[in-house]
Amino acid sequence: MSNNYAKWIKFRDELSVMETEFMKTVNNINPGLAEKKGVCGRWFPKEVVAHITGWEKEVREQFGKILKGTAVPVNYDIDAYNQKSVASRAHLSWPEVIKELEEAQKELQQFNNSLDEEKITGDKRFTYWVVVLLKHYKHHNEQIKGFVRKK
């Protein structure tokens, strides 16, 4: 097994665990807190979930482009991307936002599980994107837990 593939497997599996942990956190939030400010500065839990969903979908899209050979370096305006992602889900209820995230997670996990060593070894961007998403989950999971403890 190549070193790059071993890293991929490690981080892919950590991401799966963290996705599950994050879902436990958000599913245990009192729905009355879902739209209360105070997580990640001005955001409320629903917006954090919407934000994470946007990145789940973006990672899946980037992986597809990498496999097709159409991926190009993207210079994100992170704040604008995040605002757009959150705004596009503002009309959704708390249960709907959670359901969309669950569906995005399932799609990415299925895609990740379909990637074999040959595909992963040839491109380090797969590992890069998984690590980015993993860090997002860890960071926001702790923020939401802290928010809930304060309430």
N, C-alpha and C. Protein backbone atom coordinates (compact mmCIF):
# COMPACT_ATOMS: atom_id res chain seq x y z
N MET A 1 0.86 -1.18 0.00
CA MET A 1 0.00 0.00 0.00
C MET A 1 0.90 1.24 0.00
N SER A 2 0.61 2.15 -0.90
CA SER A 2 1.41 3.37 -0.98
C SER A 2 1.17 4.25 0.25
N ASN A 3 2.13 5.10 0.53
CA ASN A 3 2.03 6.02 1.66
C ASN A 3 0.85 6.98 1.48
N ASN A 4 0.67 7.49 0.26
CA ASN A 4 -0.43 8.41 0.00
C ASN A 4 -1.79 7.73 0.22
N TYR A 5 -1.91 6.49 -0.22
CA TYR A 5 -3.16 5.76 -0.04
C TYR A 5 -3.42 5.47 1.44
N ALA A 6 -2.38 5.13 2.17
CA ALA A 6 -2.51 4.88 3.60
C ALA A 6 -3.00 6.14 4.32
N LYS A 7 -2.44 7.30 3.95
CA LYS A 7 -2.90 8.57 4.53
C LYS A 7 -4.37 8.81 4.18
N TRP A 8 -4.71 8.56 2.93
CA TRP A 8 -6.08 8.75 2.48
C TRP A 8 -7.05 7.92 3.33
N ILE A 9 -6.73 6.64 3.49
CA ILE A 9 -7.59 5.74 4.26
C ILE A 9 -7.74 6.26 5.69
N LYS A 10 -6.63 6.67 6.29
CA LYS A 10 -6.64 7.18 7.67
C LYS A 10 -7.57 8.39 7.78
N PHE A 11 -7.37 9.37 6.92
CA PHE A 11 -8.17 10.59 7.01
C PHE A 11 -9.61 10.37 6.56
N ARG A 12 -9.83 9.52 5.57
CA ARG A 12 -11.20 9.19 5.14
C ARG A 12 -11.97 8.58 6.30
N ASP A 13 -11.32 7.65 7.00
CA ASP A 13 -11.98 7.00 8.13
C ASP A 13 -12.20 7.97 9.29
N GLU A 14 -11.24 8.85 9.54
CA GLU A 14 -11.42 9.88 10.59
C GLU A 14 -12.57 10.80 10.23
N LEU A 15 -12.69 11.14 8.95
CA LEU A 15 -13.79 12.00 8.51
C LEU A 15 -15.12 11.33 8.77
N SER A 16 -15.22 10.07 8.45
CA SER A 16 -16.46 9.33 8.67
C SER A 16 -16.85 9.34 10.15
N VAL A 17 -15.88 9.12 11.01
CA VAL A 17 -16.14 9.15 12.46
C VAL A 17 -16.58 10.55 12.90
N MET A 18 -15.90 11.57 12.37
CA MET A 18 -16.22 12.94 12.77
C MET A 18 -17.58 13.36 12.24
N GLU A 19 -17.94 12.91 11.04
CA GLU A 19 -19.28 13.21 10.52
C GLU A 19 -20.35 12.64 11.46
N THR A 20 -20.12 11.41 11.91
CA THR A 20 -21.06 10.77 12.84
C THR A 20 -21.13 11.54 14.15
N GLU A 21 -19.98 11.93 14.66
CA GLU A 21 -19.92 12.70 15.91
C GLU A 21 -20.65 14.03 15.77
N PHE A 22 -20.44 14.71 14.66
CA PHE A 22 -21.11 15.99 14.41
C PHE A 22 -22.62 15.80 14.36
N MET A 23 -23.07 14.73 13.70
CA MET A 23 -24.51 14.49 13.61
C MET A 23 -25.10 14.20 14.98
N LYS A 24 -24.37 13.50 15.83
CA LYS A 24 -24.84 13.28 17.20
C LYS A 24 -24.99 14.61 17.92
N THR A 25 -24.02 15.48 17.74
CA THR A 25 -24.06 16.79 18.38
C THR A 25 -25.28 17.58 17.92
N VAL A 26 -25.49 17.69 16.61
CA VAL A 26 -26.60 18.52 16.13
C VAL A 26 -27.96 17.87 16.39
N ASN A 27 -28.01 16.56 16.36
CA ASN A 27 -29.29 15.89 16.64
C ASN A 27 -29.69 16.01 18.10
N ASN A 28 -28.76 16.33 18.97
CA ASN A 28 -29.07 16.50 20.40
C ASN A 28 -29.35 17.95 20.78
N ILE A 29 -29.31 18.84 19.82
CA ILE A 29 -29.61 20.24 20.10
C ILE A 29 -31.12 20.43 20.24
N ASN A 30 -31.51 21.11 21.28
CA ASN A 30 -32.91 21.49 21.44
C ASN A 30 -33.28 22.33 20.22
N PRO A 31 -34.33 21.95 19.48
CA PRO A 31 -34.70 22.72 18.29
C PRO A 31 -34.89 24.21 18.55
N GLY A 32 -35.22 24.57 19.78
CA GLY A 32 -35.37 25.98 20.11
C GLY A 32 -34.06 26.75 20.05
N LEU A 33 -32.94 26.03 20.10
CA LEU A 33 -31.62 26.68 20.00
C LEU A 33 -31.09 26.73 18.57
N ALA A 34 -31.75 26.06 17.66
CA ALA A 34 -31.25 25.94 16.29
C ALA A 34 -31.05 27.28 15.61
N GLU A 35 -31.85 28.27 16.00
CA GLU A 35 -31.75 29.58 15.37
C GLU A 35 -31.42 30.67 16.38
N LYS A 36 -30.60 30.30 17.35
CA LYS A 36 -30.10 31.27 18.34
C LYS A 36 -28.65 31.58 18.01
N LYS A 37 -28.34 32.86 17.95
CA LYS A 37 -26.97 33.29 17.62
C LYS A 37 -25.99 32.91 18.72
N GLY A 38 -24.74 32.77 18.30
CA GLY A 38 -23.70 32.55 19.29
C GLY A 38 -22.72 31.44 18.97
N VAL A 39 -22.95 30.71 17.88
CA VAL A 39 -21.99 29.69 17.45
C VAL A 39 -21.13 30.35 16.37
N CYS A 40 -19.85 30.19 16.46
CA CYS A 40 -18.97 30.71 15.41
C CYS A 40 -19.26 32.20 15.19
N GLY A 41 -19.23 32.95 16.26
CA GLY A 41 -19.50 34.38 16.17
C GLY A 41 -20.98 34.65 16.06
N ARG A 42 -21.38 35.14 14.90
CA ARG A 42 -22.78 35.55 14.70
C ARG A 42 -23.69 34.43 14.22
N TRP A 43 -23.15 33.29 13.84
CA TRP A 43 -23.95 32.18 13.31
C TRP A 43 -24.70 31.44 14.41
N PHE A 44 -25.78 30.81 14.00
CA PHE A 44 -26.49 29.93 14.90
C PHE A 44 -26.34 28.49 14.38
N PRO A 45 -26.70 27.49 15.19
CA PRO A 45 -26.45 26.10 14.79
C PRO A 45 -26.94 25.75 13.39
N LYS A 46 -28.11 26.21 13.03
CA LYS A 46 -28.65 25.90 11.70
C LYS A 46 -27.72 26.42 10.61
N GLU A 47 -27.15 27.58 10.80
CA GLU A 47 -26.25 28.14 9.79
C GLU A 47 -24.93 27.37 9.72
N VAL A 48 -24.47 26.88 10.86
CA VAL A 48 -23.24 26.08 10.86
C VAL A 48 -23.48 24.79 10.09
N VAL A 49 -24.62 24.16 10.31
CA VAL A 49 -24.95 22.94 9.59
C VAL A 49 -25.05 23.23 8.09
N ALA A 50 -25.67 24.33 7.72
CA ALA A 50 -25.77 24.72 6.30
C ALA A 50 -24.39 24.93 5.70
N HIS A 51 -23.53 25.56 6.46
CA HIS A 51 -22.14 25.83 6.03
C HIS A 51 -21.40 24.51 5.77
N ILE A 52 -21.50 23.59 6.69
CA ILE A 52 -20.84 22.28 6.55
C ILE A 52 -21.40 21.54 5.34
N THR A 53 -22.69 21.62 5.13
CA THR A 53 -23.31 20.96 3.99
C THR A 53 -22.72 21.49 2.68
N GLY A 54 -22.55 22.80 2.61
CA GLY A 54 -21.96 23.39 1.41
C GLY A 54 -20.57 22.83 1.12
N TRP A 55 -19.78 22.65 2.16
CA TRP A 55 -18.43 22.12 1.97
C TRP A 55 -18.45 20.64 1.64
N GLU A 56 -19.38 19.88 2.23
CA GLU A 56 -19.52 18.46 1.86
C GLU A 56 -19.76 18.35 0.35
N LYS A 57 -20.68 19.16 -0.13
CA LYS A 57 -21.03 19.11 -1.55
C LYS A 57 -19.86 19.60 -2.42
N GLU A 58 -19.15 20.59 -1.94
CA GLU A 58 -18.01 21.10 -2.71
C GLU A 58 -16.91 20.06 -2.82
N VAL A 59 -16.64 19.36 -1.73
CA VAL A 59 -15.62 18.31 -1.76
C VAL A 59 -16.03 17.22 -2.75
N ARG A 60 -17.28 16.81 -2.71
CA ARG A 60 -17.76 15.79 -3.65
C ARG A 60 -17.61 16.27 -5.09
N GLU A 61 -17.94 17.53 -5.33
CA GLU A 61 -17.80 18.08 -6.68
C GLU A 61 -16.34 18.11 -7.12
N GLN A 62 -15.46 18.53 -6.23
CA GLN A 62 -14.03 18.58 -6.57
C GLN A 62 -13.49 17.18 -6.86
N PHE A 63 -13.93 16.19 -6.09
CA PHE A 63 -13.47 14.83 -6.34
C PHE A 63 -13.90 14.35 -7.73
N GLY A 64 -15.11 14.65 -8.11
CA GLY A 64 -15.57 14.28 -9.45
C GLY A 64 -14.74 14.94 -10.53
N LYS A 65 -14.42 16.20 -10.34
CA LYS A 65 -13.59 16.93 -11.31
C LYS A 65 -12.17 16.35 -11.37
N ILE A 66 -11.63 15.98 -10.24
CA ILE A 66 -10.29 15.39 -10.22
C ILE A 66 -10.29 14.11 -11.05
N LEU A 67 -11.29 13.27 -10.84
CA LEU A 67 -11.37 12.01 -11.58
C LEU A 67 -11.56 12.22 -13.08
N LYS A 68 -12.32 13.24 -13.45
CA LYS A 68 -12.57 13.53 -14.87
C LYS A 68 -11.41 14.28 -15.52
N GLY A 69 -10.48 14.78 -14.68
CA GLY A 69 -9.37 15.56 -15.22
C GLY A 69 -9.75 16.99 -15.53
N THR A 70 -10.85 17.47 -14.95
CA THR A 70 -11.30 18.84 -15.21
C THR A 70 -11.09 19.78 -14.02
N ALA A 71 -10.47 19.27 -12.97
CA ALA A 71 -10.24 20.10 -11.78
C ALA A 71 -9.18 21.15 -12.08
N VAL A 72 -9.44 22.34 -11.63
CA VAL A 72 -8.48 23.43 -11.75
C VAL A 72 -8.31 24.05 -10.37
N PRO A 73 -7.17 24.64 -10.09
CA PRO A 73 -7.01 25.29 -8.79
C PRO A 73 -8.10 26.35 -8.59
N VAL A 74 -8.69 26.33 -7.41
CA VAL A 74 -9.76 27.27 -7.09
C VAL A 74 -9.27 28.19 -5.99
N ASN A 75 -9.40 29.47 -6.21
CA ASN A 75 -9.02 30.46 -5.20
C ASN A 75 -10.32 30.98 -4.60
N TYR A 76 -10.74 30.36 -3.52
CA TYR A 76 -12.02 30.69 -2.90
C TYR A 76 -11.97 32.01 -2.16
N ASP A 77 -13.04 32.77 -2.29
CA ASP A 77 -13.33 33.86 -1.37
C ASP A 77 -14.16 33.17 -0.29
N ILE A 78 -13.48 32.71 0.75
CA ILE A 78 -14.10 31.85 1.76
C ILE A 78 -15.34 32.51 2.36
N ASP A 79 -15.24 33.77 2.74
CA ASP A 79 -16.39 34.43 3.37
C ASP A 79 -17.58 34.48 2.42
N ALA A 80 -17.34 34.81 1.17
CA ALA A 80 -18.43 34.88 0.19
C ALA A 80 -19.02 33.49 -0.07
N TYR A 81 -18.15 32.50 -0.17
CA TYR A 81 -18.63 31.12 -0.38
C TYR A 81 -19.50 30.67 0.79
N ASN A 82 -19.02 30.93 2.00
CA ASN A 82 -19.77 30.54 3.19
C ASN A 82 -21.11 31.26 3.27
N GLN A 83 -21.10 32.56 3.00
CA GLN A 83 -22.35 33.32 3.04
C GLN A 83 -23.36 32.79 2.03
N LYS A 84 -22.88 32.48 0.84
CA LYS A 84 -23.76 31.95 -0.21
C LYS A 84 -24.33 30.59 0.21
N SER A 85 -23.49 29.75 0.76
CA SER A 85 -23.90 28.42 1.19
C SER A 85 -24.97 28.51 2.28
N VAL A 86 -24.75 29.37 3.25
CA VAL A 86 -25.71 29.54 4.34
C VAL A 86 -27.01 30.17 3.82
N ALA A 87 -26.89 31.20 3.00
CA ALA A 87 -28.08 31.89 2.48
C ALA A 87 -28.93 30.97 1.62
N SER A 88 -28.30 30.08 0.87
CA SER A 88 -29.06 29.18 -0.01
C SER A 88 -29.89 28.15 0.76
N ARG A 89 -29.62 28.01 2.06
CA ARG A 89 -30.34 27.05 2.89
C ARG A 89 -31.18 27.74 3.97
N ALA A 90 -31.24 29.05 3.95
CA ALA A 90 -31.94 29.80 5.00
C ALA A 90 -33.43 29.46 5.06
N HIS A 91 -34.01 29.10 3.95
CA HIS A 91 -35.44 28.78 3.90
C HIS A 91 -35.77 27.41 4.49
N LEU A 92 -34.77 26.60 4.72
CA LEU A 92 -34.99 25.25 5.23
C LEU A 92 -35.22 25.27 6.74
N SER A 93 -36.02 24.33 7.20
CA SER A 93 -36.24 24.17 8.64
C SER A 93 -35.03 23.45 9.24
N TRP A 94 -34.96 23.43 10.56
CA TRP A 94 -33.89 22.72 11.26
C TRP A 94 -33.83 21.25 10.83
N PRO A 95 -34.94 20.52 10.86
CA PRO A 95 -34.89 19.11 10.41
C PRO A 95 -34.46 18.98 8.94
N GLU A 96 -34.89 19.91 8.11
CA GLU A 96 -34.52 19.85 6.68
C GLU A 96 -33.03 20.09 6.48
N VAL A 97 -32.45 21.00 7.23
CA VAL A 97 -31.02 21.28 7.12
C VAL A 97 -30.22 20.05 7.56
N ILE A 98 -30.66 19.44 8.64
CA ILE A 98 -29.98 18.23 9.12
C ILE A 98 -30.10 17.10 8.08
N LYS A 99 -31.28 16.95 7.52
CA LYS A 99 -31.48 15.89 6.52
C LYS A 99 -30.61 16.12 5.29
N GLU A 100 -30.50 17.36 4.85
CA GLU A 100 -29.66 17.65 3.69
C GLU A 100 -28.20 17.31 3.98
N LEU A 101 -27.74 17.63 5.18
CA LEU A 101 -26.37 17.29 5.55
C LEU A 101 -26.18 15.78 5.57
N GLU A 102 -27.12 15.07 6.16
CA GLU A 102 -27.02 13.60 6.19
C GLU A 102 -26.92 13.03 4.78
N GLU A 103 -27.72 13.55 3.86
CA GLU A 103 -27.69 13.08 2.48
C GLU A 103 -26.36 13.41 1.80
N ALA A 104 -25.84 14.60 2.05
CA ALA A 104 -24.55 14.98 1.48
C ALA A 104 -23.43 14.10 2.03
N GLN A 105 -23.49 13.81 3.32
CA GLN A 105 -22.50 12.93 3.93
C GLN A 105 -22.54 11.54 3.30
N LYS A 106 -23.74 11.02 3.17
CA LYS A 106 -23.91 9.68 2.60
C LYS A 106 -23.33 9.64 1.18
N GLU A 107 -23.64 10.64 0.38
CA GLU A 107 -23.15 10.68 -0.99
C GLU A 107 -21.62 10.73 -1.03
N LEU A 108 -21.03 11.58 -0.20
CA LEU A 108 -19.57 11.68 -0.19
C LEU A 108 -18.94 10.39 0.33
N GLN A 109 -19.51 9.80 1.37
CA GLN A 109 -18.97 8.55 1.91
C GLN A 109 -19.01 7.44 0.87
N GLN A 110 -20.12 7.33 0.14
CA GLN A 110 -20.23 6.31 -0.90
C GLN A 110 -19.19 6.55 -1.99
N PHE A 111 -19.02 7.80 -2.36
CA PHE A 111 -18.03 8.13 -3.38
C PHE A 111 -16.63 7.81 -2.87
N ASN A 112 -16.34 8.23 -1.64
CA ASN A 112 -15.02 7.95 -1.06
C ASN A 112 -14.73 6.46 -1.01
N ASN A 113 -15.73 5.67 -0.66
CA ASN A 113 -15.55 4.23 -0.57
C ASN A 113 -15.34 3.58 -1.93
N SER A 114 -15.70 4.29 -3.00
CA SER A 114 -15.53 3.75 -4.35
C SER A 114 -14.12 4.01 -4.91
N LEU A 115 -13.37 4.87 -4.23
CA LEU A 115 -12.04 5.24 -4.73
C LEU A 115 -11.03 4.17 -4.35
N ASP A 116 -10.30 3.70 -5.33
CA ASP A 116 -9.31 2.66 -5.06
C ASP A 116 -7.90 3.28 -4.99
N GLU A 117 -6.96 2.44 -4.67
CA GLU A 117 -5.59 2.91 -4.46
C GLU A 117 -5.02 3.59 -5.71
N GLU A 118 -5.32 3.07 -6.86
CA GLU A 118 -4.78 3.65 -8.10
C GLU A 118 -5.24 5.10 -8.26
N LYS A 119 -6.51 5.35 -8.00
CA LYS A 119 -7.04 6.71 -8.14
C LYS A 119 -6.45 7.65 -7.09
N ILE A 120 -6.35 7.18 -5.87
CA ILE A 120 -5.88 8.02 -4.77
C ILE A 120 -4.38 8.30 -4.88
N THR A 121 -3.61 7.30 -5.20
CA THR A 121 -2.15 7.43 -5.24
C THR A 121 -1.72 8.47 -6.27
N GLY A 122 -2.48 8.60 -7.32
CA GLY A 122 -2.10 9.51 -8.39
C GLY A 122 -2.37 10.98 -8.11
N ASP A 123 -3.08 11.30 -7.07
CA ASP A 123 -3.44 12.70 -6.84
C ASP A 123 -3.63 12.99 -5.35
N LYS A 124 -2.77 13.82 -4.81
CA LYS A 124 -2.81 14.15 -3.38
C LYS A 124 -3.97 15.07 -3.00
N ARG A 125 -4.67 15.59 -3.99
CA ARG A 125 -5.80 16.48 -3.68
C ARG A 125 -6.93 15.76 -2.97
N PHE A 126 -7.06 14.44 -3.19
CA PHE A 126 -8.09 13.70 -2.47
C PHE A 126 -7.86 13.80 -0.96
N THR A 127 -6.63 13.55 -0.55
CA THR A 127 -6.29 13.63 0.88
C THR A 127 -6.42 15.07 1.37
N TYR A 128 -5.97 16.02 0.58
CA TYR A 128 -6.06 17.43 0.96
C TYR A 128 -7.51 17.81 1.30
N TRP A 129 -8.44 17.48 0.40
CA TRP A 129 -9.83 17.88 0.60
C TRP A 129 -10.45 17.18 1.80
N VAL A 130 -10.13 15.91 2.01
CA VAL A 130 -10.67 15.20 3.16
C VAL A 130 -10.17 15.84 4.45
N VAL A 131 -8.91 16.21 4.48
CA VAL A 131 -8.35 16.86 5.68
C VAL A 131 -9.03 18.21 5.92
N VAL A 132 -9.25 18.98 4.87
CA VAL A 132 -9.95 20.27 5.02
C VAL A 132 -11.32 20.06 5.65
N LEU A 133 -12.07 19.10 5.13
CA LEU A 133 -13.41 18.84 5.65
C LEU A 133 -13.36 18.31 7.08
N LEU A 134 -12.42 17.44 7.36
CA LEU A 134 -12.24 16.90 8.71
C LEU A 134 -11.98 18.02 9.71
N LYS A 135 -11.10 18.94 9.36
CA LYS A 135 -10.80 20.08 10.25
C LYS A 135 -12.04 20.94 10.47
N HIS A 136 -12.83 21.14 9.42
CA HIS A 136 -14.07 21.91 9.55
C HIS A 136 -14.99 21.26 10.58
N TYR A 137 -15.17 19.96 10.44
CA TYR A 137 -16.05 19.26 11.37
C TYR A 137 -15.55 19.36 12.81
N LYS A 138 -14.28 19.12 13.01
CA LYS A 138 -13.74 19.18 14.38
C LYS A 138 -13.94 20.57 14.97
N HIS A 139 -13.60 21.58 14.22
CA HIS A 139 -13.70 22.97 14.68
C HIS A 139 -15.15 23.33 15.03
N HIS A 140 -16.06 23.07 14.12
CA HIS A 140 -17.45 23.47 14.35
C HIS A 140 -18.17 22.57 15.36
N ASN A 141 -17.77 21.33 15.45
CA ASN A 141 -18.37 20.46 16.46
C ASN A 141 -18.06 20.99 17.87
N GLU A 142 -16.83 21.38 18.08
CA GLU A 142 -16.46 21.94 19.39
C GLU A 142 -17.18 23.25 19.66
N GLN A 143 -17.32 24.08 18.63
CA GLN A 143 -18.04 25.34 18.80
C GLN A 143 -19.50 25.10 19.19
N ILE A 144 -20.14 24.18 18.51
CA ILE A 144 -21.55 23.90 18.82
C ILE A 144 -21.69 23.30 20.22
N LYS A 145 -20.81 22.40 20.59
CA LYS A 145 -20.87 21.83 21.94
C LYS A 145 -20.70 22.93 22.99
N GLY A 146 -19.77 23.83 22.77
CA GLY A 146 -19.57 24.96 23.69
C GLY A 146 -20.79 25.86 23.76
N PHE A 147 -21.40 26.12 22.63
CA PHE A 147 -22.61 26.93 22.56
C PHE A 147 -23.73 26.29 23.39
N VAL A 148 -23.93 24.99 23.21
CA VAL A 148 -24.99 24.28 23.93
C VAL A 148 -24.72 24.30 25.43
N ARG A 149 -23.47 24.11 25.83
CA ARG A 149 -23.14 24.14 27.27
C ARG A 149 -23.46 25.49 27.90
N LYS A 150 -23.29 26.56 27.15
CA LYS A 150 -23.55 27.91 27.68
C LYS A 150 -25.04 28.20 27.79
N LYS A 151 -25.84 27.51 27.03
CA LYS A 151 -27.30 27.78 27.01
C LYS A 151 -27.92 26.99 28.09
